[in-house]
Each structure stands twice: as C-alpha cells, then as structure tokens.
Amino acid sequence: MKYRTLGRTGLRCSEIGLGTWAFASQVYGDVAEAEAHRTIYTALDAGINFFDTAPRYGSPERDGIAEEVLGRALGPRHADVLISSKFGRNATEQAAPHFHARRARRSVEASLRRLGRDHLDVLFFHSPFSPDDIHDDVWQALADLKKEGKVRFIGHSISMFADTQQMARDWASARKIDVVQVVYSLMNREAARLIRDLEEQGIGIMARESLANGFLSGAVTRDTVFPAGTLNARYSRQEIEDRVGYVEQLAFLVRGDVRSMPQAALRWVLDNPHVSLVLSGAKNAEELRDAVAASEAARYTREEQARAEAVHAHDFSAA
C-alpha cells in the first residue's frame, strides 16, 4: 500500500480507504456483520489506515449501524487508524439535511460513542443540498468541537454538485474546511476542475463512488436486474444498457498488472495527482483485495489516458 498526504491536514493516509456504507444500509444488498469484520481486518492487514463512515449508514430504526460495526471490528486497534464521519443526515430521518450547532454536537458525540473512540480525524458536512441548509451557528460549534479535541479537521462531502460546488470553493478559500469528499470516476468526471483547484489551495481530496455504484465493478451486464429497494433499481433498461456499453469501451484499461475493471477504475482515479485517496466501498474481503491491487499497479501511460478521455462523451449521473 502506498500513502499520500491529505492536503494541509498533514495526515498520512493510504491511497485506498474503506467506506462503510455497504455495511449497514443494504443499498448494495445485505452484508452480515461477520463479513464486514473480515473486510475490515483485510483492510488493516493490507495497510489501509483510513475508514469513512456516517450516522446515515444505518436503518430507519437505528442510526450509525456502520459506525458500530466499525468500532467493534477495530477494538483497541482504532488508535492505529484514521476515521472520518459526518453530520447533518441521519438514517432515522427522511427530512432534508440541516446543519446547525446542536445537531453537530449531538451527532459527533453519538458517533464517538458508537465508534468507541474520543475523536474523529475528519468530520464532514454530509451532502448539503444548498447554502440554505447551513445555519450560522454551526461554525462556532465546530470550532468548539475542535478545541475540545473531539474533531481534528472539517470537511465537505459534496452532493448535488452543480448546486453546491461553489460552497466548497467558498469554504476552502475562507479556510473553513480542510478536506472534501467528492464523486469522481471514469463515468463521472464533472469534479475534475474543482479537484485541481481545491488541491492547489491545500485541500485534501477524497474520491468516492469511483466504481460508479457498481457499474465499474465488472458484475453488471445489459441483462442485470437490480433488486427492488437497492440503489440502482431506479435505472431504466436503456440507462443500464448505456452505462454497460460505455464500460465495455473501457475494457482496454484491463491489462497485465490491472486484472479487473474495478482495479482499472481505481487506478485511473489514483493517476490524478490531485487526489489524496480513493474510497473503496467493498462489501467483502475479496472485493477489497481487488481494490488494494490498484495501488500496486503502474500508472496508465499517456496514450492509455488519452484513449480513456476520447471515449468519454458525457458524465453519467452520480447516486
């Protein structure tokens, strides 16, 4: 595993991080806790030292299931890793997100209890939809949490990109945030300029959804039927065919030291020098080992990168 610095935070993080959404929300199907633990142990053994989670990763009855799973798996080893969580969205609430002082403090303290640790390395605003979601009092609350040692750095997990990228730019310029988490993949490159601009300001860049919610996993075909209630069930047959057809055009990225499409997708993201780490949403140890191999592979050549650019006609929507 190779390591990079997470912007001006100075944190040394593994190129591949482990996201934990799949361990709780069933958006990609059921994942038993024992399997989740095996995946986390595999991550530790592979040198992964960054784990991302959130209160939102739970069920309609209980927030933070993924945080609990991660905390139990790490046990005393939690001191050896970096953990980010989020606030503003909860699994038990379906209302639009709101970011205010009371919610920030209550969310952080609940996350720490579930994780079994005394601080978060990064606390993200969890995908605000617009500036209207942000209450002025939240900034003092975040400053207080940092002063108390409960949070080290603040980040913005970006959603609704067109509507909220300017928020990230403004917050970065005002030094209100130190990290962003943003959708970036072979199928969705709309954040490329933002990634470059923010990294040049010292912002740490975490890429997410880099397997395009499974379409770059190699497991989705034109005939795939997604179970009702899962994330991709919303797509029409035509949309599925369009996405799969595009992935087929990228088959040349699988080569000797890049043995699968997931590895190719992650290697392509890591080739961007402005990216600090890419999050894998692996559901099991096998998927995670496949992701880790992307860090070990050689960079794509200029010719391969140019070919990948040439076939990219438009960005497919993010989750």
Protein backbone atom coordinates (compact mmCIF):
# COMPACT_ATOMS: atom_id res chain seq x y z
CA MET A 1 0.00 0.00 0.00
CA LYS A 2 1.22 3.46 -0.90
CA TYR A 3 0.44 6.55 1.17
CA ARG A 4 -0.29 10.19 0.39
CA THR A 5 -0.75 13.34 2.45
CA LEU A 6 -4.33 14.54 2.94
CA GLY A 7 -3.79 18.14 1.92
CA ARG A 8 -2.91 20.66 4.59
CA THR A 9 -4.12 18.35 7.35
CA GLY A 10 -0.75 16.64 7.15
CA LEU A 11 -2.42 13.27 7.77
CA ARG A 12 -0.67 10.39 6.00
CA CYS A 13 -3.39 8.20 4.53
CA SER A 14 -3.42 5.03 2.48
CA GLU A 15 -4.18 5.58 -1.21
CA ILE A 16 -7.13 3.24 -0.79
CA GLY A 17 -9.57 3.91 2.04
CA LEU A 18 -12.53 1.82 3.11
CA GLY A 19 -16.02 3.30 3.03
CA THR A 20 -18.59 1.55 5.21
CA TRP A 21 -21.94 2.44 3.63
CA ALA A 22 -22.44 -1.14 2.43
CA PHE A 23 -22.13 -2.49 5.97
CA ALA A 24 -25.42 -1.03 7.13
CA SER A 25 -27.79 0.46 4.59
CA GLN A 26 -28.34 -2.55 2.30
CA VAL A 27 -28.09 -0.27 -0.74
CA TYR A 28 -25.96 -2.96 -2.37
CA GLY A 29 -27.63 -5.91 -0.67
CA ASP A 30 -27.25 -7.45 2.76
CA VAL A 31 -23.79 -7.67 4.36
CA ALA A 32 -23.53 -9.78 7.51
CA GLU A 33 -21.55 -8.26 10.36
CA ALA A 34 -19.09 -11.18 10.35
CA GLU A 35 -18.35 -10.47 6.67
CA ALA A 36 -17.97 -6.77 7.40
CA HIS A 37 -15.46 -7.59 10.15
CA ARG A 38 -13.46 -9.81 7.79
CA THR A 39 -13.36 -6.97 5.29
CA ILE A 40 -12.13 -4.53 7.92
CA TYR A 41 -9.45 -6.98 9.10
CA THR A 42 -8.37 -7.47 5.48
CA ALA A 43 -8.09 -3.69 5.14
CA LEU A 44 -5.87 -3.45 8.21
CA ASP A 45 -3.66 -6.29 7.04
CA ALA A 46 -3.30 -4.62 3.62
CA GLY A 47 -2.12 -1.36 5.15
CA ILE A 48 -5.35 0.61 4.80
CA ASN A 49 -5.41 3.20 7.57
CA PHE A 50 -8.39 5.39 6.58
CA PHE A 51 -12.02 4.43 7.22
CA ASP A 52 -15.06 6.53 6.32
CA THR A 53 -18.46 6.17 7.94
CA ALA A 54 -21.56 8.19 8.94
CA PRO A 55 -24.66 8.20 11.18
CA ARG A 56 -26.64 7.99 7.94
CA TYR A 57 -25.26 4.49 7.36
CA GLY A 58 -27.93 2.74 9.35
CA SER A 59 -31.59 1.74 9.15
CA PRO A 60 -34.92 3.54 9.53
CA GLU A 61 -34.91 2.30 13.12
CA ARG A 62 -31.29 2.97 14.09
CA ASP A 63 -28.61 5.47 13.17
CA GLY A 64 -24.95 4.66 12.77
CA ILE A 65 -25.02 0.89 12.35
CA ALA A 66 -21.88 1.08 10.22
CA GLU A 67 -20.14 3.11 12.94
CA GLU A 68 -20.99 0.40 15.47
CA VAL A 69 -19.76 -2.36 13.15
CA LEU A 70 -16.52 -0.49 12.51
CA GLY A 71 -15.98 0.25 16.19
CA ARG A 72 -16.48 -3.38 17.22
CA ALA A 73 -14.18 -4.65 14.48
CA LEU A 74 -11.36 -2.23 15.25
CA GLY A 75 -11.46 -2.66 19.01
CA PRO A 76 -8.17 -1.45 20.51
CA ARG A 77 -6.71 -1.03 17.01
CA HIS A 78 -8.80 2.10 16.49
CA ALA A 79 -5.85 4.14 17.74
CA ASP A 80 -3.82 2.98 14.73
CA VAL A 81 -6.19 4.31 12.06
CA LEU A 82 -7.83 7.49 10.79
CA ILE A 83 -11.61 7.72 10.83
CA SER A 84 -13.94 10.23 9.21
CA SER A 85 -17.64 10.52 9.91
CA LYS A 86 -20.32 13.03 9.01
CA PHE A 87 -23.24 15.02 10.38
CA GLY A 88 -26.46 16.58 9.11
CA ARG A 89 -28.12 13.40 7.83
CA ASN A 90 -29.49 10.52 9.87
CA ALA A 91 -30.82 7.13 8.84
CA THR A 92 -33.85 7.55 11.08
CA GLU A 93 -34.88 10.84 9.46
CA GLN A 94 -36.03 11.33 5.88
CA ALA A 95 -36.23 15.13 6.02
CA ALA A 96 -33.82 17.34 4.08
CA PRO A 97 -30.49 17.81 5.83
CA HIS A 98 -29.89 20.74 8.19
CA PHE A 99 -26.61 21.78 9.67
CA HIS A 100 -26.76 23.66 12.95
CA ALA A 101 -24.86 23.79 16.24
CA ARG A 102 -26.98 21.44 18.32
CA ARG A 103 -27.12 18.81 15.61
CA ALA A 104 -23.37 18.94 15.02
CA ARG A 105 -22.54 18.38 18.68
CA ARG A 106 -25.12 15.67 19.27
CA SER A 107 -24.08 13.86 16.09
CA VAL A 108 -20.36 13.91 16.91
CA GLU A 109 -20.86 12.70 20.47
CA ALA A 110 -23.14 9.88 19.31
CA SER A 111 -20.64 8.87 16.60
CA LEU A 112 -17.81 8.73 19.12
CA ARG A 113 -19.86 6.50 21.42
CA ARG A 114 -20.66 4.13 18.58
CA LEU A 115 -17.06 4.04 17.39
CA GLY A 116 -15.60 3.67 20.88
CA ARG A 117 -13.05 6.46 20.48
CA ASP A 118 -12.51 10.00 21.71
CA HIS A 119 -12.10 11.91 18.43
CA LEU A 120 -12.85 11.97 14.71
CA ASP A 121 -9.99 12.75 12.36
CA VAL A 122 -12.35 14.40 9.87
CA LEU A 123 -15.96 15.49 10.35
CA PHE A 124 -17.81 16.07 7.07
CA PHE A 125 -20.90 18.09 6.35
CA HIS A 126 -22.96 15.24 4.91
CA SER A 127 -24.05 16.39 1.46
CA PRO A 128 -25.88 19.69 2.00
CA PHE A 129 -28.20 20.45 -0.90
CA SER A 130 -27.78 24.23 -0.83
CA PRO A 131 -26.40 27.09 1.28
CA ASP A 132 -29.88 27.39 2.79
CA ASP A 133 -29.20 24.16 4.73
CA ILE A 134 -26.37 25.81 6.69
CA HIS A 135 -27.15 27.65 9.94
CA ASP A 136 -24.70 30.36 11.00
CA ASP A 137 -24.26 28.88 14.49
CA VAL A 138 -22.75 25.67 13.14
CA TRP A 139 -19.30 27.17 12.65
CA GLN A 140 -18.84 28.08 16.30
CA ALA A 141 -19.99 24.61 17.31
CA LEU A 142 -17.41 23.05 15.01
CA ALA A 143 -14.71 25.34 16.38
CA ASP A 144 -15.67 24.29 19.92
CA LEU A 145 -15.55 20.58 19.00
CA LYS A 146 -12.07 21.08 17.56
CA LYS A 147 -10.94 22.96 20.66
CA GLU A 148 -12.22 20.11 22.83
CA GLY A 149 -10.25 17.60 20.76
CA LYS A 150 -13.33 15.72 19.56
CA VAL A 151 -12.76 16.67 15.92
CA ARG A 152 -9.42 17.33 14.24
CA PHE A 153 -10.44 18.59 10.80
CA ILE A 154 -13.62 19.70 9.00
CA GLY A 155 -14.68 18.56 5.54
CA HIS A 156 -17.46 18.89 2.98
CA SER A 157 -18.91 15.73 1.44
CA ILE A 158 -20.24 17.15 -1.81
CA SER A 159 -23.54 16.14 -3.36
CA MET A 160 -25.77 17.94 -5.90
CA PHE A 161 -22.51 19.01 -7.49
CA ALA A 162 -23.76 21.81 -9.73
CA ASP A 163 -25.64 23.42 -6.84
CA THR A 164 -23.02 23.07 -4.14
CA GLN A 165 -19.53 23.16 -5.65
CA GLN A 166 -19.36 26.92 -5.06
CA MET A 167 -19.97 26.28 -1.36
CA ALA A 168 -16.88 24.10 -1.30
CA ARG A 169 -14.87 26.77 -3.10
CA ASP A 170 -16.03 29.50 -0.71
CA TRP A 171 -15.41 27.40 2.40
CA ALA A 172 -11.97 26.39 1.18
CA SER A 173 -10.99 29.98 0.45
CA ALA A 174 -12.19 31.03 3.90
CA ARG A 175 -10.26 28.12 5.45
CA LYS A 176 -13.45 26.78 7.00
CA ILE A 177 -12.75 23.29 5.63
CA ASP A 178 -9.62 21.22 5.09
CA VAL A 179 -10.96 18.22 3.13
CA VAL A 180 -13.59 17.47 0.51
CA GLN A 181 -15.16 14.17 -0.44
CA VAL A 182 -16.44 14.19 -4.00
CA VAL A 183 -17.78 11.84 -6.68
CA TYR A 184 -15.05 11.13 -9.23
CA SER A 185 -14.84 8.19 -11.59
CA LEU A 186 -14.34 7.12 -15.18
CA MET A 187 -18.11 7.57 -15.58
CA ASN A 188 -18.42 10.93 -13.81
CA ARG A 189 -15.61 13.47 -14.16
CA GLU A 190 -17.54 16.69 -13.53
CA ALA A 191 -15.50 17.42 -10.39
CA ALA A 192 -12.11 17.31 -12.14
CA ARG A 193 -11.57 21.07 -12.20
CA LEU A 194 -12.79 21.50 -8.63
CA ILE A 195 -10.42 18.75 -7.50
CA ARG A 196 -7.48 20.51 -9.15
CA ASP A 197 -8.39 23.96 -7.85
CA LEU A 198 -9.00 22.89 -4.25
CA GLU A 199 -5.92 20.69 -4.03
CA GLU A 200 -3.83 23.65 -5.16
CA GLN A 201 -5.25 25.53 -2.14
CA GLY A 202 -4.14 22.73 0.17
CA ILE A 203 -7.48 20.93 0.48
CA GLY A 204 -7.31 17.15 0.88
CA ILE A 205 -9.26 15.31 -1.82
CA MET A 206 -11.13 12.06 -1.14
CA ALA A 207 -12.70 10.46 -4.22
CA ARG A 208 -15.88 8.42 -3.73
CA GLU A 209 -18.27 6.40 -5.93
CA SER A 210 -15.25 5.58 -8.08
CA LEU A 211 -16.85 2.29 -9.16
CA ALA A 212 -19.95 4.26 -10.23
CA ASN A 213 -22.19 2.42 -7.76
CA GLY A 214 -21.19 -0.93 -9.17
CA PHE A 215 -21.28 -0.22 -12.91
CA LEU A 216 -17.46 -0.34 -12.98
CA SER A 217 -17.39 -3.49 -10.87
CA GLY A 218 -17.43 -5.84 -13.85
CA ALA A 219 -20.50 -7.56 -12.44
CA VAL A 220 -23.24 -5.54 -14.19
CA THR A 221 -24.40 -6.67 -17.63
CA ARG A 222 -27.06 -5.43 -20.02
CA ASP A 223 -29.41 -8.06 -18.57
CA THR A 224 -28.81 -7.28 -14.90
CA VAL A 225 -31.99 -6.76 -12.88
CA PHE A 226 -31.40 -4.87 -9.65
CA PRO A 227 -33.49 -5.95 -6.65
CA ALA A 228 -36.22 -3.54 -5.60
CA GLY A 229 -35.02 -1.16 -2.91
CA THR A 230 -31.37 -1.24 -3.93
CA LEU A 231 -29.60 1.87 -5.15
CA ASN A 232 -29.51 1.01 -8.86
CA ALA A 233 -33.11 -0.21 -9.11
CA ARG A 234 -34.09 3.30 -10.20
CA TYR A 235 -32.43 2.95 -13.61
CA SER A 236 -34.39 2.14 -16.77
CA ARG A 237 -33.32 -0.68 -19.08
CA GLN A 238 -31.99 1.92 -21.54
CA GLU A 239 -29.92 3.64 -18.87
CA ILE A 240 -28.43 0.32 -17.80
CA GLU A 241 -27.59 -0.57 -21.41
CA ASP A 242 -25.99 2.85 -21.97
CA ARG A 243 -23.82 2.54 -18.87
CA VAL A 244 -22.77 -1.03 -19.59
CA GLY A 245 -21.99 -0.12 -23.20
CA TYR A 246 -19.72 2.67 -22.05
CA VAL A 247 -17.89 0.36 -19.63
CA GLU A 248 -17.30 -2.09 -22.49
CA GLN A 249 -15.43 0.68 -24.32
CA LEU A 250 -13.05 0.91 -21.37
CA ALA A 251 -12.05 -2.77 -21.48
CA PHE A 252 -8.60 -1.84 -22.80
CA LEU A 253 -7.72 -0.48 -19.33
CA VAL A 254 -7.59 -4.05 -18.04
CA ARG A 255 -4.04 -5.20 -18.75
CA GLY A 256 -1.27 -7.35 -17.24
CA ASP A 257 -0.90 -5.64 -13.86
CA VAL A 258 -4.51 -4.38 -13.82
CA ARG A 259 -6.50 -7.58 -13.75
CA SER A 260 -10.08 -6.35 -13.41
CA MET A 261 -12.32 -3.42 -14.22
CA PRO A 262 -12.57 -2.34 -10.55
CA GLN A 263 -8.78 -2.19 -10.40
CA ALA A 264 -8.74 -0.18 -13.63
CA ALA A 265 -11.33 2.27 -12.30
CA LEU A 266 -9.42 2.87 -9.07
CA ARG A 267 -6.03 3.04 -10.80
CA TRP A 268 -7.40 5.72 -13.15
CA VAL A 269 -8.54 7.83 -10.18
CA LEU A 270 -5.21 7.38 -8.41
CA ASP A 271 -3.41 8.60 -11.53
CA ASN A 272 -4.83 12.06 -10.80
CA PRO A 273 -2.05 13.68 -8.76
CA HIS A 274 -4.54 15.97 -7.01
CA VAL A 275 -6.40 13.05 -5.37
CA SER A 276 -5.29 12.13 -1.84
CA LEU A 277 -7.17 8.83 -1.58
CA VAL A 278 -9.96 6.88 -3.20
CA LEU A 279 -12.63 5.17 -1.11
CA SER A 280 -13.48 1.56 -1.81
CA GLY A 281 -17.00 0.52 -0.90
CA ALA A 282 -16.06 -3.17 -0.85
CA LYS A 283 -18.72 -5.48 0.62
CA ASN A 284 -16.33 -8.34 1.31
CA ALA A 285 -12.65 -9.20 1.68
CA GLU A 286 -12.29 -10.44 -1.91
CA GLU A 287 -13.56 -7.16 -3.35
CA LEU A 288 -11.25 -5.23 -1.06
CA ARG A 289 -8.17 -7.23 -2.02
CA ASP A 290 -9.02 -6.48 -5.64
CA ALA A 291 -9.20 -2.77 -4.82
CA VAL A 292 -5.89 -2.81 -2.94
CA ALA A 293 -4.16 -4.21 -6.03
CA ALA A 294 -4.92 -0.92 -7.81
CA SER A 295 -2.45 0.83 -5.53
CA GLU A 296 0.24 -1.66 -6.54
CA ALA A 297 -0.29 -1.33 -10.31
CA ALA A 298 1.70 1.01 -12.54
CA ARG A 299 0.22 4.31 -13.68
CA TYR A 300 -1.52 4.38 -17.05
CA THR A 301 0.54 5.69 -19.93
CA ARG A 302 -0.29 8.98 -21.62
CA GLU A 303 -1.63 7.02 -24.57
CA GLU A 304 -3.96 4.97 -22.34
CA GLN A 305 -5.14 8.08 -20.53
CA ALA A 306 -5.81 9.84 -23.81
CA ARG A 307 -7.80 6.88 -25.08
CA ALA A 308 -9.90 6.86 -21.89
CA GLU A 309 -10.55 10.56 -22.43
CA ALA A 310 -11.52 10.06 -26.06
CA VAL A 311 -14.31 7.58 -25.30
CA HIS A 312 -15.84 9.78 -22.59
CA ALA A 313 -18.70 11.59 -24.33
CA HIS A 314 -20.63 12.72 -21.23
CA ASP A 315 -20.85 12.31 -17.46
CA PHE A 316 -23.29 9.76 -16.12
CA SER A 317 -25.25 10.94 -13.09
CA ALA A 318 -24.00 10.20 -9.60
CA ALA A 319 -26.00 8.48 -6.86
